[in-house]
Amino acid sequence: MKLHWAMPTQVRPYYVAELRKSEEARTLGDLQLEWHHLERAHILGQRWPLEHNAVHWRMLKFGFRTKNMREIIGQLPRLVFGGVKSFAGTVPIGNTGGANVPALKPLALPDDLAAILNDTFAV
């Protein structure tokens, strides 16, 4: 079993850019765009425990800010187990990380994110 720990340097700039875009959208008060970029950051970061949990933490804070109980409750187990699944390399590829999607359901990767991840390793 391959253990995943550090995000590859080829992926990190794209992950950081998505987090930055989510912050910019939050500053502008654009909740849909903020969430969109959090989902994209989740897809990019879900294979690595620190980055994976960092996105779930932001999603939990989003749930509190928007008073979305479903999101708050849905993020709690993801925070507990998400990093462990990342470390063990057993994440559902493409999952967007929100409570609106089953936690273990793989989803199709957006083409641009698939290209980034395919450049790093086979998806």
PDB file of N, CA and C in Angstrom:
ATOM      1  N   MET A   1       0.852  -1.180   0.000  1.00  0.00           N
ATOM      2  CA  MET A   1       0.000   0.000   0.000  1.00  0.00           C
ATOM      3  C   MET A   1       0.895   1.240   0.000  1.00  0.00           C
ATOM      4  N   LYS A   2       0.627   2.135  -0.933  1.00  0.00           N
ATOM      5  CA  LYS A   2       1.383   3.384  -1.006  1.00  0.00           C
ATOM      6  C   LYS A   2       0.739   4.406  -0.078  1.00  0.00           C
ATOM      7  N   LEU A   3       1.538   4.968   0.807  1.00  0.00           N
ATOM      8  CA  LEU A   3       1.036   5.988   1.723  1.00  0.00           C
ATOM      9  C   LEU A   3       1.270   7.368   1.119  1.00  0.00           C
ATOM     10  N   HIS A   4       0.238   8.174   1.138  1.00  0.00           N
ATOM     11  CA  HIS A   4       0.333   9.530   0.594  1.00  0.00           C
ATOM     12  C   HIS A   4       0.546  10.510   1.740  1.00  0.00           C
ATOM     13  N   TRP A   5       1.557  11.318   1.632  1.00  0.00           N
ATOM     14  CA  TRP A   5       1.793  12.294   2.682  1.00  0.00           C
ATOM     15  C   TRP A   5       1.911  13.705   2.114  1.00  0.00           C
ATOM     16  N   ALA A   6       2.903  13.944   1.280  1.00  0.00           N
ATOM     17  CA  ALA A   6       3.164  15.301   0.792  1.00  0.00           C
ATOM     18  C   ALA A   6       2.584  15.500  -0.604  1.00  0.00           C
ATOM     19  N   MET A   7       1.882  16.607  -0.787  1.00  0.00           N
ATOM     20  CA  MET A   7       1.333  16.949  -2.095  1.00  0.00           C
ATOM     21  C   MET A   7       2.487  17.234  -3.051  1.00  0.00           C
ATOM     22  N   PRO A   8       2.454  16.656  -4.252  1.00  0.00           N
ATOM     23  CA  PRO A   8       3.515  16.916  -5.228  1.00  0.00           C
ATOM     24  C   PRO A   8       3.576  18.395  -5.618  1.00  0.00           C
ATOM     25  N   THR A   9       4.773  18.852  -5.887  1.00  0.00           N
ATOM     26  CA  THR A   9       4.960  20.262  -6.239  1.00  0.00           C
ATOM     27  C   THR A   9       4.240  20.635  -7.530  1.00  0.00           C
ATOM     28  N   GLN A  10       3.971  19.648  -8.402  1.00  0.00           N
ATOM     29  CA  GLN A  10       3.256  19.943  -9.645  1.00  0.00           C
ATOM     30  C   GLN A  10       1.784  20.278  -9.392  1.00  0.00           C
ATOM     31  N   VAL A  11       1.218  19.766  -8.311  1.00  0.00           N
ATOM     32  CA  VAL A  11      -0.210  19.964  -8.021  1.00  0.00           C
ATOM     33  C   VAL A  11      -0.431  21.185  -7.128  1.00  0.00           C
ATOM     34  N   ARG A  12       0.506  21.433  -6.220  1.00  0.00           N
ATOM     35  CA  ARG A  12       0.323  22.472  -5.200  1.00  0.00           C
ATOM     36  C   ARG A  12      -0.087  23.846  -5.749  1.00  0.00           C
ATOM     37  N   PRO A  13       0.514  24.372  -6.809  1.00  0.00           N
ATOM     38  CA  PRO A  13       0.101  25.711  -7.271  1.00  0.00           C
ATOM     39  C   PRO A  13      -1.373  25.773  -7.683  1.00  0.00           C
ATOM     40  N   TYR A  14      -1.877  24.703  -8.255  1.00  0.00           N
ATOM     41  CA  TYR A  14      -3.280  24.679  -8.681  1.00  0.00           C
ATOM     42  C   TYR A  14      -4.214  24.599  -7.473  1.00  0.00           C
ATOM     43  N   TYR A  15      -3.815  23.812  -6.489  1.00  0.00           N
ATOM     44  CA  TYR A  15      -4.578  23.686  -5.241  1.00  0.00           C
ATOM     45  C   TYR A  15      -4.636  25.043  -4.527  1.00  0.00           C
ATOM     46  N   VAL A  16      -3.493  25.674  -4.390  1.00  0.00           N
ATOM     47  CA  VAL A  16      -3.418  26.981  -3.725  1.00  0.00           C
ATOM     48  C   VAL A  16      -4.230  28.018  -4.496  1.00  0.00           C
ATOM     49  N   ALA A  17      -4.187  27.962  -5.816  1.00  0.00           N
ATOM     50  CA  ALA A  17      -4.958  28.911  -6.633  1.00  0.00           C
ATOM     51  C   ALA A  17      -6.455  28.748  -6.392  1.00  0.00           C
ATOM     52  N   GLU A  18      -6.923  27.519  -6.266  1.00  0.00           N
ATOM     53  CA  GLU A  18      -8.356  27.295  -5.999  1.00  0.00           C
ATOM     54  C   GLU A  18      -8.735  27.834  -4.618  1.00  0.00           C
ATOM     55  N   LEU A  19      -7.880  27.627  -3.634  1.00  0.00           N
ATOM     56  CA  LEU A  19      -8.164  28.174  -2.300  1.00  0.00           C
ATOM     57  C   LEU A  19      -8.181  29.697  -2.337  1.00  0.00           C
ATOM     58  N   ARG A  20      -7.247  30.284  -3.069  1.00  0.00           N
ATOM     59  CA  ARG A  20      -7.189  31.741  -3.190  1.00  0.00           C
ATOM     60  C   ARG A  20      -8.456  32.265  -3.878  1.00  0.00           C
ATOM     61  N   LYS A  21      -8.882  31.591  -4.931  1.00  0.00           N
ATOM     62  CA  LYS A  21     -10.102  32.005  -5.637  1.00  0.00           C
ATOM     63  C   LYS A  21     -11.330  31.878  -4.740  1.00  0.00           C
ATOM     64  N   SER A  22     -11.355  30.861  -3.885  1.00  0.00           N
ATOM     65  CA  SER A  22     -12.496  30.727  -2.962  1.00  0.00           C
ATOM     66  C   SER A  22     -12.507  31.885  -1.964  1.00  0.00           C
ATOM     67  N   GLU A  23     -11.330  32.291  -1.514  1.00  0.00           N
ATOM     68  CA  GLU A  23     -11.240  33.432  -0.592  1.00  0.00           C
ATOM     69  C   GLU A  23     -11.678  34.726  -1.275  1.00  0.00           C
ATOM     70  N   GLU A  24     -11.257  34.905  -2.517  1.00  0.00           N
ATOM     71  CA  GLU A  24     -11.662  36.105  -3.260  1.00  0.00           C
ATOM     72  C   GLU A  24     -13.179  36.142  -3.435  1.00  0.00           C
ATOM     73  N   ALA A  25     -13.770  35.001  -3.749  1.00  0.00           N
ATOM     74  CA  ALA A  25     -15.229  34.932  -3.915  1.00  0.00           C
ATOM     75  C   ALA A  25     -15.930  35.220  -2.592  1.00  0.00           C
ATOM     76  N   ARG A  26     -15.349  34.713  -1.493  1.00  0.00           N
ATOM     77  CA  ARG A  26     -15.937  34.983  -0.170  1.00  0.00           C
ATOM     78  C   ARG A  26     -15.913  36.476   0.117  1.00  0.00           C
ATOM     79  N   THR A  27     -14.796  37.120  -0.182  1.00  0.00           N
ATOM     80  CA  THR A  27     -14.663  38.561   0.025  1.00  0.00           C
ATOM     81  C   THR A  27     -15.705  39.333  -0.774  1.00  0.00           C
ATOM     82  N   LEU A  28     -16.008  38.842  -1.970  1.00  0.00           N
ATOM     83  CA  LEU A  28     -17.011  39.488  -2.824  1.00  0.00           C
ATOM     84  C   LEU A  28     -18.442  39.108  -2.444  1.00  0.00           C
ATOM     85  N   GLY A  29     -18.581  38.158  -1.523  1.00  0.00           N
ATOM     86  CA  GLY A  29     -19.912  37.714  -1.112  1.00  0.00           C
ATOM     87  C   GLY A  29     -20.569  36.764  -2.097  1.00  0.00           C
ATOM     88  N   ASP A  30     -19.782  36.162  -2.986  1.00  0.00           N
ATOM     89  CA  ASP A  30     -20.311  35.231  -3.985  1.00  0.00           C
ATOM     90  C   ASP A  30     -20.202  33.804  -3.445  1.00  0.00           C
ATOM     91  N   LEU A  31     -21.254  33.357  -2.756  1.00  0.00           N
ATOM     92  CA  LEU A  31     -21.230  32.056  -2.098  1.00  0.00           C
ATOM     93  C   LEU A  31     -21.114  30.900  -3.091  1.00  0.00           C
ATOM     94  N   GLN A  32     -21.805  30.984  -4.214  1.00  0.00           N
ATOM     95  CA  GLN A  32     -21.741  29.904  -5.211  1.00  0.00           C
ATOM     96  C   GLN A  32     -20.332  29.743  -5.763  1.00  0.00           C
ATOM     97  N   LEU A  33     -19.705  30.844  -6.079  1.00  0.00           N
ATOM     98  CA  LEU A  33     -18.351  30.786  -6.620  1.00  0.00           C
ATOM     99  C   LEU A  33     -17.359  30.321  -5.554  1.00  0.00           C
ATOM    100  N   GLU A  34     -17.551  30.784  -4.331  1.00  0.00           N
ATOM    101  CA  GLU A  34     -16.686  30.329  -3.239  1.00  0.00           C
ATOM    102  C   GLU A  34     -16.762  28.813  -3.109  1.00  0.00           C
ATOM    103  N   TRP A  35     -17.988  28.287  -3.099  1.00  0.00           N
ATOM    104  CA  TRP A  35     -18.181  26.838  -2.944  1.00  0.00           C
ATOM    105  C   TRP A  35     -17.589  26.084  -4.129  1.00  0.00           C
ATOM    106  N   HIS A  36     -17.776  26.602  -5.325  1.00  0.00           N
ATOM    107  CA  HIS A  36     -17.231  25.984  -6.543  1.00  0.00           C
ATOM    108  C   HIS A  36     -15.716  25.792  -6.411  1.00  0.00           C
ATOM    109  N   HIS A  37     -15.029  26.817  -5.940  1.00  0.00           N
ATOM    110  CA  HIS A  37     -13.573  26.720  -5.816  1.00  0.00           C
ATOM    111  C   HIS A  37     -13.160  25.829  -4.646  1.00  0.00           C
ATOM    112  N   LEU A  38     -13.960  25.771  -3.598  1.00  0.00           N
ATOM    113  CA  LEU A  38     -13.671  24.820  -2.522  1.00  0.00           C
ATOM    114  C   LEU A  38     -13.794  23.385  -3.032  1.00  0.00           C
ATOM    115  N   GLU A  39     -14.814  23.125  -3.843  1.00  0.00           N
ATOM    116  CA  GLU A  39     -14.974  21.782  -4.411  1.00  0.00           C
ATOM    117  C   GLU A  39     -13.784  21.419  -5.296  1.00  0.00           C
ATOM    118  N   ARG A  40     -13.336  22.356  -6.090  1.00  0.00           N
ATOM    119  CA  ARG A  40     -12.185  22.096  -6.965  1.00  0.00           C
ATOM    120  C   ARG A  40     -10.906  21.882  -6.141  1.00  0.00           C
ATOM    121  N   ALA A  41     -10.740  22.653  -5.076  1.00  0.00           N
ATOM    122  CA  ALA A  41      -9.590  22.446  -4.188  1.00  0.00           C
ATOM    123  C   ALA A  41      -9.672  21.063  -3.552  1.00  0.00           C
ATOM    124  N   HIS A  42     -10.883  20.633  -3.201  1.00  0.00           N
ATOM    125  CA  HIS A  42     -11.058  19.305  -2.611  1.00  0.00           C
ATOM    126  C   HIS A  42     -10.632  18.222  -3.597  1.00  0.00           C
ATOM    127  N   ILE A  43     -11.072  18.340  -4.835  1.00  0.00           N
ATOM    128  CA  ILE A  43     -10.702  17.344  -5.846  1.00  0.00           C
ATOM    129  C   ILE A  43      -9.183  17.271  -5.987  1.00  0.00           C
ATOM    130  N   LEU A  44      -8.530  18.413  -6.017  1.00  0.00           N
ATOM    131  CA  LEU A  44      -7.072  18.435  -6.164  1.00  0.00           C
ATOM    132  C   LEU A  44      -6.355  17.943  -4.912  1.00  0.00           C
ATOM    133  N   GLY A  45      -6.892  18.232  -3.735  1.00  0.00           N
ATOM    134  CA  GLY A  45      -6.179  17.939  -2.499  1.00  0.00           C
ATOM    135  C   GLY A  45      -6.564  16.664  -1.793  1.00  0.00           C
ATOM    136  N   GLN A  46      -7.577  15.957  -2.287  1.00  0.00           N
ATOM    137  CA  GLN A  46      -8.121  14.843  -1.516  1.00  0.00           C
ATOM    138  C   GLN A  46      -7.162  13.670  -1.346  1.00  0.00           C
ATOM    139  N   ARG A  47      -6.121  13.581  -2.110  1.00  0.00           N
ATOM    140  CA  ARG A  47      -5.185  12.459  -1.969  1.00  0.00           C
ATOM    141  C   ARG A  47      -4.155  12.673  -0.854  1.00  0.00           C
ATOM    142  N   TRP A  48      -4.091  13.875  -0.306  1.00  0.00           N
ATOM    143  CA  TRP A  48      -3.074  14.180   0.694  1.00  0.00           C
ATOM    144  C   TRP A  48      -3.743  14.671   1.970  1.00  0.00           C
ATOM    145  N   PRO A  49      -3.430  14.073   3.117  1.00  0.00           N
ATOM    146  CA  PRO A  49      -4.180  14.309   4.357  1.00  0.00           C
ATOM    147  C   PRO A  49      -4.271  15.768   4.794  1.00  0.00           C
ATOM    148  N   LEU A  50      -3.177  16.488   4.787  1.00  0.00           N
ATOM    149  CA  LEU A  50      -3.217  17.868   5.285  1.00  0.00           C
ATOM    150  C   LEU A  50      -4.079  18.754   4.391  1.00  0.00           C
ATOM    151  N   GLU A  51      -3.864  18.642   3.100  1.00  0.00           N
ATOM    152  CA  GLU A  51      -4.630  19.459   2.159  1.00  0.00           C
ATOM    153  C   GLU A  51      -6.103  19.046   2.148  1.00  0.00           C
ATOM    154  N   HIS A  52      -6.350  17.750   2.240  1.00  0.00           N
ATOM    155  CA  HIS A  52      -7.717  17.232   2.259  1.00  0.00           C
ATOM    156  C   HIS A  52      -8.477  17.794   3.466  1.00  0.00           C
ATOM    157  N   ASN A  53      -7.892  17.663   4.631  1.00  0.00           N
ATOM    158  CA  ASN A  53      -8.570  18.164   5.834  1.00  0.00           C
ATOM    159  C   ASN A  53      -8.665  19.683   5.847  1.00  0.00           C
ATOM    160  N   ALA A  54      -7.691  20.366   5.266  1.00  0.00           N
ATOM    161  CA  ALA A  54      -7.759  21.832   5.209  1.00  0.00           C
ATOM    162  C   ALA A  54      -8.986  22.284   4.422  1.00  0.00           C
ATOM    163  N   VAL A  55      -9.293  21.587   3.324  1.00  0.00           N
ATOM    164  CA  VAL A  55     -10.482  21.944   2.542  1.00  0.00           C
ATOM    165  C   VAL A  55     -11.748  21.623   3.333  1.00  0.00           C
ATOM    166  N   HIS A  56     -11.783  20.471   3.987  1.00  0.00           N
ATOM    167  CA  HIS A  56     -12.978  20.139   4.780  1.00  0.00           C
ATOM    168  C   HIS A  56     -13.174  21.141   5.921  1.00  0.00           C
ATOM    169  N   TRP A  57     -12.096  21.617   6.497  1.00  0.00           N
ATOM    170  CA  TRP A  57     -12.200  22.644   7.537  1.00  0.00           C
ATOM    171  C   TRP A  57     -12.842  23.909   6.968  1.00  0.00           C
ATOM    172  N   ARG A  58     -12.398  24.312   5.785  1.00  0.00           N
ATOM    173  CA  ARG A  58     -12.986  25.499   5.138  1.00  0.00           C
ATOM    174  C   ARG A  58     -14.451  25.258   4.784  1.00  0.00           C
ATOM    175  N   MET A  59     -14.766  24.043   4.373  1.00  0.00           N
ATOM    176  CA  MET A  59     -16.162  23.714   4.061  1.00  0.00           C
ATOM    177  C   MET A  59     -17.019  23.751   5.325  1.00  0.00           C
ATOM    178  N   LEU A  60     -16.467  23.296   6.436  1.00  0.00           N
ATOM    179  CA  LEU A  60     -17.187  23.369   7.708  1.00  0.00           C
ATOM    180  C   LEU A  60     -17.435  24.825   8.087  1.00  0.00           C
ATOM    181  N   LYS A  61     -16.419  25.663   7.957  1.00  0.00           N
ATOM    182  CA  LYS A  61     -16.596  27.087   8.261  1.00  0.00           C
ATOM    183  C   LYS A  61     -17.626  27.722   7.328  1.00  0.00           C
ATOM    184  N   PHE A  62     -17.631  27.316   6.066  1.00  0.00           N
ATOM    185  CA  PHE A  62     -18.638  27.787   5.111  1.00  0.00           C
ATOM    186  C   PHE A  62     -20.030  27.399   5.618  1.00  0.00           C
ATOM    187  N   GLY A  63     -20.175  26.169   6.088  1.00  0.00           N
ATOM    188  CA  GLY A  63     -21.457  25.711   6.635  1.00  0.00           C
ATOM    189  C   GLY A  63     -21.909  26.563   7.804  1.00  0.00           C
ATOM    190  N   PHE A  64     -21.000  26.901   8.698  1.00  0.00           N
ATOM    191  CA  PHE A  64     -21.356  27.765   9.836  1.00  0.00           C
ATOM    192  C   PHE A  64     -21.732  29.165   9.364  1.00  0.00           C
ATOM    193  N   ARG A  65     -20.939  29.730   8.450  1.00  0.00           N
ATOM    194  CA  ARG A  65     -21.242  31.077   7.955  1.00  0.00           C
ATOM    195  C   ARG A  65     -22.599  31.153   7.271  1.00  0.00           C
ATOM    196  N   THR A  66     -22.963  30.097   6.551  1.00  0.00           N
ATOM    197  CA  THR A  66     -24.231  30.099   5.815  1.00  0.00           C
ATOM    198  C   THR A  66     -25.365  29.465   6.620  1.00  0.00           C
ATOM    199  N   LYS A  67     -25.048  29.066   7.856  1.00  0.00           N
ATOM    200  CA  LYS A  67     -26.033  28.435   8.750  1.00  0.00           C
ATOM    201  C   LYS A  67     -26.683  27.210   8.098  1.00  0.00           C
ATOM    202  N   ASN A  68     -25.852  26.406   7.440  1.00  0.00           N
ATOM    203  CA  ASN A  68     -26.302  25.210   6.737  1.00  0.00           C
ATOM    204  C   ASN A  68     -25.998  23.989   7.607  1.00  0.00           C
ATOM    205  N   MET A  69     -27.001  23.540   8.360  1.00  0.00           N
ATOM    206  CA  MET A  69     -26.800  22.428   9.294  1.00  0.00           C
ATOM    207  C   MET A  69     -26.399  21.142   8.572  1.00  0.00           C
ATOM    208  N   ARG A  70     -26.960  20.914   7.400  1.00  0.00           N
ATOM    209  CA  ARG A  70     -26.599  19.702   6.657  1.00  0.00           C
ATOM    210  C   ARG A  70     -25.100  19.699   6.348  1.00  0.00           C
ATOM    211  N   GLU A  71     -24.580  20.850   5.954  1.00  0.00           N
ATOM    212  CA  GLU A  71     -23.154  20.935   5.632  1.00  0.00           C
ATOM    213  C   GLU A  71     -22.307  20.790   6.895  1.00  0.00           C
ATOM    214  N   ILE A  72     -22.728  21.423   7.963  1.00  0.00           N
ATOM    215  CA  ILE A  72     -21.983  21.326   9.226  1.00  0.00           C
ATOM    216  C   ILE A  72     -21.898  19.871   9.669  1.00  0.00           C
ATOM    217  N   ILE A  73     -23.043  19.205   9.721  1.00  0.00           N
ATOM    218  CA  ILE A  73     -23.081  17.808  10.167  1.00  0.00           C
ATOM    219  C   ILE A  73     -22.323  16.913   9.186  1.00  0.00           C
ATOM    220  N   GLY A  74     -22.429  17.198   7.897  1.00  0.00           N
ATOM    221  CA  GLY A  74     -21.746  16.394   6.891  1.00  0.00           C
ATOM    222  C   GLY A  74     -20.240  16.540   6.902  1.00  0.00           C
ATOM    223  N   GLN A  75     -19.747  17.695   7.303  1.00  0.00           N
ATOM    224  CA  GLN A  75     -18.299  17.917   7.307  1.00  0.00           C
ATOM    225  C   GLN A  75     -17.610  17.279   8.511  1.00  0.00           C
ATOM    226  N   LEU A  76     -18.311  17.101   9.606  1.00  0.00           N
ATOM    227  CA  LEU A  76     -17.660  16.566  10.812  1.00  0.00           C
ATOM    228  C   LEU A  76     -17.033  15.189  10.585  1.00  0.00           C
ATOM    229  N   PRO A  77     -17.770  14.191  10.057  1.00  0.00           N
ATOM    230  CA  PRO A  77     -17.100  12.901   9.824  1.00  0.00           C
ATOM    231  C   PRO A  77     -16.031  12.980   8.736  1.00  0.00           C
ATOM    232  N   ARG A  78     -16.214  13.874   7.785  1.00  0.00           N
ATOM    233  CA  ARG A  78     -15.207  14.025   6.734  1.00  0.00           C
ATOM    234  C   ARG A  78     -13.899  14.556   7.326  1.00  0.00           C
ATOM    235  N   LEU A  79     -14.008  15.428   8.308  1.00  0.00           N
ATOM    236  CA  LEU A  79     -12.799  15.925   8.974  1.00  0.00           C
ATOM    237  C   LEU A  79     -12.111  14.815   9.757  1.00  0.00           C
ATOM    238  N   VAL A  80     -12.896  13.937  10.370  1.00  0.00           N
ATOM    239  CA  VAL A  80     -12.321  12.855  11.174  1.00  0.00           C
ATOM    240  C   VAL A  80     -11.674  11.793  10.290  1.00  0.00           C
ATOM    241  N   PHE A  81     -12.368  11.389   9.228  1.00  0.00           N
ATOM    242  CA  PHE A  81     -11.912  10.241   8.446  1.00  0.00           C
ATOM    243  C   PHE A  81     -11.235  10.593   7.122  1.00  0.00           C
ATOM    244  N   GLY A  82     -11.444  11.798   6.627  1.00  0.00           N
ATOM    245  CA  GLY A  82     -10.902  12.161   5.317  1.00  0.00           C
ATOM    246  C   GLY A  82      -9.397  12.050   5.230  1.00  0.00           C
ATOM    247  N   GLY A  83      -8.703  12.577   6.220  1.00  0.00           N
ATOM    248  CA  GLY A  83      -7.243  12.526   6.202  1.00  0.00           C
ATOM    249  C   GLY A  83      -6.704  11.112   6.273  1.00  0.00           C
ATOM    250  N   VAL A  84      -7.380  10.257   7.033  1.00  0.00           N
ATOM    251  CA  VAL A  84      -6.958   8.856   7.144  1.00  0.00           C
ATOM    252  C   VAL A  84      -7.102   8.166   5.792  1.00  0.00           C
ATOM    253  N   LYS A  85      -8.233   8.407   5.123  1.00  0.00           N
ATOM    254  CA  LYS A  85      -8.458   7.808   3.802  1.00  0.00           C
ATOM    255  C   LYS A  85      -7.404   8.319   2.809  1.00  0.00           C
ATOM    256  N   SER A  86      -7.043   9.586   2.919  1.00  0.00           N
ATOM    257  CA  SER A  86      -6.012  10.146   2.040  1.00  0.00           C
ATOM    258  C   SER A  86      -4.677   9.459   2.277  1.00  0.00           C
ATOM    259  N   PHE A  87      -4.303   9.368   3.525  1.00  0.00           N
ATOM    260  CA  PHE A  87      -3.017   8.782   3.896  1.00  0.00           C
ATOM    261  C   PHE A  87      -2.900   7.358   3.358  1.00  0.00           C
ATOM    262  N   ALA A  88      -4.004   6.613   3.437  1.00  0.00           N
ATOM    263  CA  ALA A  88      -4.008   5.222   2.985  1.00  0.00           C
ATOM    264  C   ALA A  88      -4.208   5.097   1.475  1.00  0.00           C
ATOM    265  N   GLY A  89      -4.514   6.218   0.808  1.00  0.00           N
ATOM    266  CA  GLY A  89      -4.692   6.184  -0.637  1.00  0.00           C
ATOM    267  C   GLY A  89      -6.008   5.583  -1.086  1.00  0.00           C
ATOM    268  N   THR A  90      -7.051   5.734  -0.271  1.00  0.00           N
ATOM    269  CA  THR A  90      -8.348   5.124  -0.593  1.00  0.00           C
ATOM    270  C   THR A  90      -9.460   6.159  -0.720  1.00  0.00           C
ATOM    271  N   VAL A  91      -9.198   7.253  -1.395  1.00  0.00           N
ATOM    272  CA  VAL A  91     -10.221   8.294  -1.568  1.00  0.00           C
ATOM    273  C   VAL A  91     -11.029   8.034  -2.837  1.00  0.00           C
ATOM    274  N   PRO A  92     -12.291   8.476  -2.848  1.00  0.00           N
ATOM    275  CA  PRO A  92     -13.103   8.359  -4.063  1.00  0.00           C
ATOM    276  C   PRO A  92     -12.738   9.490  -5.031  1.00  0.00           C
ATOM    277  N   ILE A  93     -11.985   9.175  -6.041  1.00  0.00           N
ATOM    278  CA  ILE A  93     -11.464  10.173  -6.975  1.00  0.00           C
ATOM    279  C   ILE A  93     -12.603  11.013  -7.557  1.00  0.00           C
ATOM    280  N   GLY A  94     -12.391  12.324  -7.588  1.00  0.00           N
ATOM    281  CA  GLY A  94     -13.358  13.243  -8.172  1.00  0.00           C
ATOM    282  C   GLY A  94     -14.433  13.721  -7.224  1.00  0.00           C
ATOM    283  N   ASN A  95     -14.530  13.114  -6.050  1.00  0.00           N
ATOM    284  CA  ASN A  95     -15.552  13.524  -5.087  1.00  0.00           C
ATOM    285  C   ASN A  95     -15.324  14.986  -4.716  1.00  0.00           C
ATOM    286  N   THR A  96     -16.403  15.763  -4.703  1.00  0.00           N
ATOM    287  CA  THR A  96     -16.282  17.206  -4.487  1.00  0.00           C
ATOM    288  C   THR A  96     -16.266  17.615  -3.016  1.00  0.00           C
ATOM    289  N   GLY A  97     -16.524  16.685  -2.097  1.00  0.00           N
ATOM    290  CA  GLY A  97     -16.314  16.947  -0.683  1.00  0.00           C
ATOM    291  C   GLY A  97     -17.453  17.540   0.104  1.00  0.00           C
ATOM    292  N   GLY A  98     -18.505  17.981  -0.543  1.00  0.00           N
ATOM    293  CA  GLY A  98     -19.620  18.585   0.175  1.00  0.00           C
ATOM    294  C   GLY A  98     -20.596  17.549   0.700  1.00  0.00           C
ATOM    295  N   ALA A  99     -21.425  17.963   1.639  1.00  0.00           N
ATOM    296  CA  ALA A  99     -22.422  17.071   2.224  1.00  0.00           C
ATOM    297  C   ALA A  99     -23.518  16.708   1.228  1.00  0.00           C
ATOM    298  N   ASN A 100     -23.575  17.399   0.106  1.00  0.00           N
ATOM    299  CA  ASN A 100     -24.570  17.097  -0.923  1.00  0.00           C
ATOM    300  C   ASN A 100     -24.181  15.886  -1.775  1.00  0.00           C
ATOM    301  N   VAL A 101     -22.990  15.331  -1.532  1.00  0.00           N
ATOM    302  CA  VAL A 101     -22.491  14.172  -2.272  1.00  0.00           C
ATOM    303  C   VAL A 101     -22.107  13.100  -1.255  1.00  0.00           C
ATOM    304  N   PRO A 102     -22.490  11.829  -1.475  1.00  0.00           N
ATOM    305  CA  PRO A 102     -22.043  10.775  -0.556  1.00  0.00           C
ATOM    306  C   PRO A 102     -20.519  10.784  -0.429  1.00  0.00           C
ATOM    307  N   ALA A 103     -20.036  10.655   0.786  1.00  0.00           N
ATOM    308  CA  ALA A 103     -18.607  10.807   1.073  1.00  0.00           C
ATOM    309  C   ALA A 103     -17.722   9.823   0.313  1.00  0.00           C
ATOM    310  N   LEU A 104     -18.230   8.661  -0.016  1.00  0.00           N
ATOM    311  CA  LEU A 104     -17.394   7.646  -0.656  1.00  0.00           C
ATOM    312  C   LEU A 104     -17.699   7.460  -2.139  1.00  0.00           C
ATOM    313  N   LYS A 105     -18.449   8.388  -2.726  1.00  0.00           N
ATOM    314  CA  LYS A 105     -18.846   8.255  -4.128  1.00  0.00           C
ATOM    315  C   LYS A 105     -17.822   8.911  -5.060  1.00  0.00           C
ATOM    316  N   PRO A 106     -17.202   8.120  -5.955  1.00  0.00           N
ATOM    317  CA  PRO A 106     -16.324   8.726  -6.956  1.00  0.00           C
ATOM    318  C   PRO A 106     -17.164   9.491  -7.980  1.00  0.00           C
ATOM    319  N   LEU A 107     -16.608  10.559  -8.499  1.00  0.00           N
ATOM    320  CA  LEU A 107     -17.282  11.373  -9.510  1.00  0.00           C
ATOM    321  C   LEU A 107     -16.322  11.614 -10.671  1.00  0.00           C
ATOM    322  N   ALA A 108     -16.884  11.975 -11.803  1.00  0.00           N
ATOM    323  CA  ALA A 108     -16.048  12.298 -12.963  1.00  0.00           C
ATOM    324  C   ALA A 108     -15.214  13.540 -12.653  1.00  0.00           C
ATOM    325  N   LEU A 109     -13.972  13.505 -13.062  1.00  0.00           N
ATOM    326  CA  LEU A 109     -13.091  14.659 -12.876  1.00  0.00           C
ATOM    327  C   LEU A 109     -13.353  15.693 -13.963  1.00  0.00           C
ATOM    328  N   PRO A 110     -13.404  16.973 -13.604  1.00  0.00           N
ATOM    329  CA  PRO A 110     -13.423  17.999 -14.652  1.00  0.00           C
ATOM    330  C   PRO A 110     -12.159  17.843 -15.508  1.00  0.00           C
ATOM    331  N   ASP A 111     -12.283  18.098 -16.794  1.00  0.00           N
ATOM    332  CA  ASP A 111     -11.166  17.862 -17.721  1.00  0.00           C
ATOM    333  C   ASP A 111      -9.882  18.571 -17.307  1.00  0.00           C
ATOM    334  N   ASP A 112      -9.996  19.835 -16.880  1.00  0.00           N
ATOM    335  CA  ASP A 112      -8.779  20.574 -16.534  1.00  0.00           C
ATOM    336  C   ASP A 112      -8.098  19.994 -15.299  1.00  0.00           C
ATOM    337  N   LEU A 113      -8.884  19.538 -14.319  1.00  0.00           N
ATOM    338  CA  LEU A 113      -8.284  18.948 -13.120  1.00  0.00           C
ATOM    339  C   LEU A 113      -7.730  17.560 -13.425  1.00  0.00           C
ATOM    340  N   ALA A 114      -8.399  16.822 -14.300  1.00  0.00           N
ATOM    341  CA  ALA A 114      -7.887  15.511 -14.712  1.00  0.00           C
ATOM    342  C   ALA A 114      -6.521  15.666 -15.369  1.00  0.00           C
ATOM    343  N   ALA A 115      -6.365  16.692 -16.192  1.00  0.00           N
ATOM    344  CA  ALA A 115      -5.077  16.922 -16.852  1.00  0.00           C
ATOM    345  C   ALA A 115      -3.983  17.206 -15.828  1.00  0.00           C
ATOM    346  N   ILE A 116      -4.295  18.001 -14.817  1.00  0.00           N
ATOM    347  CA  ILE A 116      -3.315  18.315 -13.767  1.00  0.00           C
ATOM    348  C   ILE A 116      -2.920  17.044 -13.029  1.00  0.00           C
ATOM    349  N   LEU A 117      -3.909  16.265 -12.634  1.00  0.00           N
ATOM    350  CA  LEU A 117      -3.628  15.052 -11.868  1.00  0.00           C
ATOM    351  C   LEU A 117      -2.979  13.979 -12.739  1.00  0.00           C
ATOM    352  N   ASN A 118      -3.365  13.881 -14.000  1.00  0.00           N
ATOM    353  CA  ASN A 118      -2.752  12.905 -14.907  1.00  0.00           C
ATOM    354  C   ASN A 118      -1.291  13.220 -15.170  1.00  0.00           C
ATOM    355  N   ASP A 119      -0.936  14.498 -15.133  1.00  0.00           N
ATOM    356  CA  ASP A 119       0.467  14.873 -15.304  1.00  0.00           C
ATOM    357  C   ASP A 119       1.308  14.427 -14.112  1.00  0.00           C
ATOM    358  N   THR A 120       0.659  14.220 -12.966  1.00  0.00           N
ATOM    359  CA  THR A 120       1.368  13.832 -11.756  1.00  0.00           C
ATOM    360  C   THR A 120       1.430  12.318 -11.614  1.00  0.00           C
ATOM    361  N   PHE A 121       0.322  11.652 -11.837  1.00  0.00           N
ATOM    362  CA  PHE A 121       0.245  10.188 -11.774  1.00  0.00           C
ATOM    363  C   PHE A 121      -1.045   9.742 -12.432  1.00  0.00           C
ATOM    364  N   ALA A 122      -1.137   8.485 -12.741  1.00  0.00           N
ATOM    365  CA  ALA A 122      -2.352   7.964 -13.392  1.00  0.00           C
ATOM    366  C   ALA A 122      -3.528   8.102 -12.440  1.00  0.00           C
ATOM    367  N   VAL A 123      -4.626   8.662 -12.940  1.00  0.00           N
ATOM    368  CA  VAL A 123      -5.818   8.865 -12.105  1.00  0.00           C
ATOM    369  C   VAL A 123      -6.603   7.603 -12.007  1.00  0.00           C
TER     370      VAL A 123
END
